[in-house]
C-alpha atoms as a PDB file:
ATOM      1  CA  MET A   1      -4.418   1.312  12.093  1.00  0.00           C
ATOM      2  CA  ARG A   2      -1.535  -0.399  13.753  1.00  0.00           C
ATOM      3  CA  ALA A   3       2.159  -0.437  12.942  1.00  0.00           C
ATOM      4  CA  VAL A   4       5.133  -2.292  14.299  1.00  0.00           C
ATOM      5  CA  VAL A   5       8.160  -0.073  13.680  1.00  0.00           C
ATOM      6  CA  GLN A   6      11.667  -1.536  13.728  1.00  0.00           C
ATOM      7  CA  ARG A   7      14.765   0.638  13.521  1.00  0.00           C
ATOM      8  CA  VAL A   8      17.117  -0.959  10.989  1.00  0.00           C
ATOM      9  CA  SER A   9      20.502  -0.374   9.427  1.00  0.00           C
ATOM     10  CA  LYS A  10      19.180  -1.942   6.205  1.00  0.00           C
ATOM     11  CA  ALA A  11      16.308  -4.092   4.963  1.00  0.00           C
ATOM     12  CA  SER A  12      14.895  -5.581   1.788  1.00  0.00           C
ATOM     13  CA  VAL A  13      11.773  -7.387   0.627  1.00  0.00           C
ATOM     14  CA  SER A  14      11.471  -9.972  -2.140  1.00  0.00           C
ATOM     15  CA  VAL A  15       8.520 -11.539  -3.928  1.00  0.00           C
ATOM     16  CA  GLU A  16       9.088 -14.780  -5.859  1.00  0.00           C
ATOM     17  CA  GLY A  17      12.847 -14.345  -5.507  1.00  0.00           C
ATOM     18  CA  GLN A  18      12.907 -10.793  -6.909  1.00  0.00           C
ATOM     19  CA  GLU A  19      13.773  -7.821  -4.707  1.00  0.00           C
ATOM     20  CA  VAL A  20      10.899  -5.330  -4.896  1.00  0.00           C
ATOM     21  CA  GLY A  21      11.869  -2.853  -2.179  1.00  0.00           C
ATOM     22  CA  LYS A  22      14.675  -1.901   0.175  1.00  0.00           C
ATOM     23  CA  CYS A  23      15.897   0.723   2.582  1.00  0.00           C
ATOM     24  CA  GLY A  24      19.136   1.718   4.234  1.00  0.00           C
ATOM     25  CA  ALA A  25      19.208   3.176   7.725  1.00  0.00           C
ATOM     26  CA  GLY A  26      15.632   3.833   8.755  1.00  0.00           C
ATOM     27  CA  PHE A  27      12.534   1.873   9.618  1.00  0.00           C
ATOM     28  CA  VAL A  28      10.835  -1.320   8.590  1.00  0.00           C
ATOM     29  CA  VAL A  29       7.157  -0.627   9.239  1.00  0.00           C
ATOM     30  CA  TRP A  30       4.704  -3.547   9.407  1.00  0.00           C
ATOM     31  CA  VAL A  31       1.328  -1.924   8.711  1.00  0.00           C
ATOM     32  CA  ALA A  32      -2.185  -3.275   9.297  1.00  0.00           C
ATOM     33  CA  ALA A  33      -5.582  -1.649   8.850  1.00  0.00           C
ATOM     34  CA  HIS A  34      -8.535  -2.294  11.164  1.00  0.00           C
ATOM     35  CA  ARG A  35     -11.922  -3.102   9.625  1.00  0.00           C
ATOM     36  CA  ASN A  36     -13.309   0.258  10.868  1.00  0.00           C
ATOM     37  CA  ASP A  37     -10.372   2.427   9.800  1.00  0.00           C
ATOM     38  CA  THR A  38     -10.729   5.399   7.469  1.00  0.00           C
ATOM     39  CA  PRO A  39      -8.150   7.363   5.485  1.00  0.00           C
ATOM     40  CA  ALA A  40      -7.878   9.728   8.467  1.00  0.00           C
ATOM     41  CA  GLN A  41      -6.321   6.929  10.531  1.00  0.00           C
ATOM     42  CA  ALA A  42      -3.850   6.117   7.744  1.00  0.00           C
ATOM     43  CA  GLU A  43      -2.785   9.755   7.536  1.00  0.00           C
ATOM     44  CA  LYS A  44      -2.430  10.089  11.312  1.00  0.00           C
ATOM     45  CA  LEU A  45      -0.310   6.932  11.500  1.00  0.00           C
ATOM     46  CA  ALA A  46       1.973   8.263   8.748  1.00  0.00           C
ATOM     47  CA  ARG A  47       2.412  11.565  10.609  1.00  0.00           C
ATOM     48  CA  ARG A  48       3.225   9.737  13.849  1.00  0.00           C
ATOM     49  CA  ILE A  49       5.848   7.591  12.135  1.00  0.00           C
ATOM     50  CA  ALA A  50       7.407  10.566  10.353  1.00  0.00           C
ATOM     51  CA  GLY A  51       7.803  12.292  13.716  1.00  0.00           C
ATOM     52  CA  LEU A  52       8.823   9.227  15.733  1.00  0.00           C
ATOM     53  CA  ARG A  53      12.076  10.036  17.534  1.00  0.00           C
ATOM     54  CA  ILE A  54      13.888   6.717  17.906  1.00  0.00           C
ATOM     55  CA  PHE A  55      17.270   7.569  16.384  1.00  0.00           C
ATOM     56  CA  ASN A  56      20.084   8.473  18.759  1.00  0.00           C
ATOM     57  CA  ASP A  57      21.370  12.044  18.982  1.00  0.00           C
ATOM     58  CA  GLU A  58      24.961  13.070  19.819  1.00  0.00           C
ATOM     59  CA  GLN A  59      24.375  12.231  23.498  1.00  0.00           C
ATOM     60  CA  GLY A  60      23.063   8.758  22.691  1.00  0.00           C
ATOM     61  CA  LYS A  61      19.437   9.629  23.516  1.00  0.00           C
ATOM     62  CA  MET A  62      16.580   8.577  21.256  1.00  0.00           C
ATOM     63  CA  ASN A  63      15.776  12.076  20.108  1.00  0.00           C
ATOM     64  CA  LEU A  64      15.935  12.196  16.297  1.00  0.00           C
ATOM     65  CA  SER A  65      13.231  11.550  13.691  1.00  0.00           C
ATOM     66  CA  LEU A  66      13.564  10.326  10.108  1.00  0.00           C
ATOM     67  CA  ALA A  67      13.799  13.912   8.833  1.00  0.00           C
ATOM     68  CA  GLU A  68      16.769  14.549  11.128  1.00  0.00           C
ATOM     69  CA  VAL A  69      18.800  11.551   9.928  1.00  0.00           C
ATOM     70  CA  PRO A  70      20.324  12.173   6.482  1.00  0.00           C
ATOM     71  CA  GLY A  71      19.592   9.408   3.993  1.00  0.00           C
ATOM     72  CA  SER A  72      17.061   7.619   6.192  1.00  0.00           C
ATOM     73  CA  SER A  73      14.135   5.817   4.591  1.00  0.00           C
ATOM     74  CA  VAL A  74      11.237   3.454   5.260  1.00  0.00           C
ATOM     75  CA  LEU A  75      10.427  -0.016   4.004  1.00  0.00           C
ATOM     76  CA  ALA A  76       6.661  -0.350   4.511  1.00  0.00           C
ATOM     77  CA  ILE A  77       5.227  -3.864   4.528  1.00  0.00           C
ATOM     78  CA  SER A  78       1.490  -4.548   4.534  1.00  0.00           C
ATOM     79  CA  ASN A  79       0.786  -7.191   7.177  1.00  0.00           C
ATOM     80  CA  PHE A  80      -2.797  -7.904   8.264  1.00  0.00           C
ATOM     81  CA  THR A  81      -1.476 -10.398  10.841  1.00  0.00           C
ATOM     82  CA  VAL A  82      -0.483  -7.446  13.037  1.00  0.00           C
ATOM     83  CA  TYR A  83      -4.198  -7.419  13.986  1.00  0.00           C
ATOM     84  CA  GLY A  84      -4.096 -11.107  14.960  1.00  0.00           C
ATOM     85  CA  GLU A  85      -5.984 -11.695  18.220  1.00  0.00           C
ATOM     86  CA  THR A  86      -4.925 -14.575  20.457  1.00  0.00           C
ATOM     87  CA  ALA A  87      -6.670 -13.769  23.757  1.00  0.00           C
ATOM     88  CA  LYS A  88      -9.103 -16.689  23.489  1.00  0.00           C
ATOM     89  CA  ASN A  89      -7.196 -19.160  21.322  1.00  0.00           C
ATOM     90  CA  ARG A  90      -3.751 -20.259  20.322  1.00  0.00           C
ATOM     91  CA  ARG A  91      -4.654 -19.808  16.666  1.00  0.00           C
ATOM     92  CA  PRO A  92      -4.914 -16.092  15.812  1.00  0.00           C
ATOM     93  CA  SER A  93      -8.193 -14.591  14.666  1.00  0.00           C
ATOM     94  CA  PHE A  94      -7.971 -11.851  12.057  1.00  0.00           C
ATOM     95  CA  ILE A  95     -11.599 -10.707  12.223  1.00  0.00           C
ATOM     96  CA  GLU A  96     -10.530  -7.181  13.246  1.00  0.00           C
ATOM     97  CA  ALA A  97      -8.295  -6.732  10.184  1.00  0.00           C
ATOM     98  CA  ALA A  98      -9.661  -4.789   7.227  1.00  0.00           C
ATOM     99  CA  PRO A  99     -10.843  -6.776   4.181  1.00  0.00           C
ATOM    100  CA  PHE A 100      -8.345  -6.974   1.304  1.00  0.00           C
ATOM    101  CA  GLU A 101      -9.602  -4.056  -0.829  1.00  0.00           C
ATOM    102  CA  ALA A 102     -10.156  -1.677   2.103  1.00  0.00           C
ATOM    103  CA  GLY A 103      -6.782  -2.643   3.555  1.00  0.00           C
ATOM    104  CA  LYS A 104      -5.052  -1.898   0.253  1.00  0.00           C
ATOM    105  CA  VAL A 105      -6.680   1.534  -0.028  1.00  0.00           C
ATOM    106  CA  LEU A 106      -5.626   2.402   3.527  1.00  0.00           C
ATOM    107  CA  PHE A 107      -2.089   1.059   3.088  1.00  0.00           C
ATOM    108  CA  ASP A 108      -1.710   3.085  -0.121  1.00  0.00           C
ATOM    109  CA  ARG A 109      -2.968   6.222   1.668  1.00  0.00           C
ATOM    110  CA  PHE A 110      -0.472   5.600   4.480  1.00  0.00           C
ATOM    111  CA  VAL A 111       2.402   5.336   1.969  1.00  0.00           C
ATOM    112  CA  GLU A 112       1.245   8.410   0.008  1.00  0.00           C
ATOM    113  CA  THR A 113       0.990  10.475   3.187  1.00  0.00           C
ATOM    114  CA  LEU A 114       4.379   9.391   4.513  1.00  0.00           C
ATOM    115  CA  THR A 115       5.963  10.131   1.126  1.00  0.00           C
ATOM    116  CA  GLY A 116       4.241  13.530   1.057  1.00  0.00           C
ATOM    117  CA  LEU A 117       5.869  14.327   4.400  1.00  0.00           C
ATOM    118  CA  GLY A 118       9.282  14.038   2.746  1.00  0.00           C
ATOM    119  CA  THR A 119      10.158  10.454   3.655  1.00  0.00           C
ATOM    120  CA  TRP A 120      11.613   8.086   1.053  1.00  0.00           C
ATOM    121  CA  VAL A 121       9.341   5.020   1.152  1.00  0.00           C
ATOM    122  CA  GLU A 122       9.611   1.680  -0.608  1.00  0.00           C
ATOM    123  CA  THR A 123       7.122  -1.150  -0.187  1.00  0.00           C
ATOM    124  CA  GLY A 124       6.535  -4.809  -0.710  1.00  0.00           C
ATOM    125  CA  VAL A 125       3.602  -6.068  -2.808  1.00  0.00           C
ATOM    126  CA  PHE A 126       0.242  -5.828  -1.059  1.00  0.00           C
ATOM    127  CA  GLY A 127      -1.237  -9.259  -0.421  1.00  0.00           C
ATOM    128  CA  ALA A 128       1.765 -11.168  -1.775  1.00  0.00           C
ATOM    129  CA  HIS A 129       3.837 -13.755   0.056  1.00  0.00           C
ATOM    130  CA  MET A 130       6.994 -11.800   0.872  1.00  0.00           C
ATOM    131  CA  GLU A 131      10.431 -12.570   2.238  1.00  0.00           C
ATOM    132  CA  VAL A 132      11.729  -9.705   4.357  1.00  0.00           C
ATOM    133  CA  CYS A 133      15.351  -9.419   5.464  1.00  0.00           C
ATOM    134  CA  ALA A 134      16.142  -6.778   8.069  1.00  0.00           C
ATOM    135  CA  VAL A 135      19.204  -5.900  10.106  1.00  0.00           C
ATOM    136  CA  ASN A 136      17.707  -4.544  13.314  1.00  0.00           C
ATOM    137  CA  ASP A 137      19.567  -1.634  14.894  1.00  0.00           C
ATOM    138  CA  GLY A 138      19.488  -1.713  18.672  1.00  0.00           C
ATOM    139  CA  PRO A 139      17.176  -3.553  18.516  1.00  0.00           C
ATOM    140  CA  VAL A 140      14.526  -0.876  18.736  1.00  0.00           C
ATOM    141  CA  THR A 141      10.907  -1.903  18.111  1.00  0.00           C
ATOM    142  CA  VAL A 142       7.853   0.281  18.780  1.00  0.00           C
ATOM    143  CA  ILE A 143       4.146  -0.472  18.334  1.00  0.00           C
ATOM    144  CA  LEU A 144       1.925   2.424  17.265  1.00  0.00           C
ATOM    145  CA  ASP A 145      -1.869   2.306  17.365  1.00  0.00           C
ATOM    146  CA  VAL A 146      -4.291   4.784  15.867  1.00  0.00           C
ATOM    147  CA  PRO A 147      -7.678   3.605  17.141  1.00  0.00           C
ATOM    148  CA  PRO A 148     -10.286   2.787  14.495  1.00  0.00           C
ATOM    149  CA  SER A 149     -13.364   4.883  13.946  1.00  0.00           C
ATOM    150  CA  VAL A 150     -16.414   3.794  15.885  1.00  0.00           C
ATOM    151  CA  GLU A 151     -19.382   3.563  13.556  1.00  0.00           C
END
């Protein structure tokens, strides 16, 4: 699985003009599943994000995780295009992304695991056309990869 994590002061997601999810200070996480991923990768990615220390401490160092920032939360957005490959073409190939149903199962497992770790999580609508508004803080953007299973 792969995630692009953006530190934000606030964010929201809308589908067909209706807000379906939001967060205050925290992360917008763009999540994609690889075609060979299993629930183990989704769980590992959630643990890595929960422990990711990209909030500033009293000395201004990136040293604090979500759990250490009162009121922080996550807006998780499913986004298969994160696995877009452009090495050979200008038009991205998404062959490495998980098929719709498998991707949904893995995204749901990711959200369940992150929630189970004590993080408030809101989401968009899997597979829908979404409009995401985010106020980046920093900006701070980190890419996390949990390699897929080799079968």
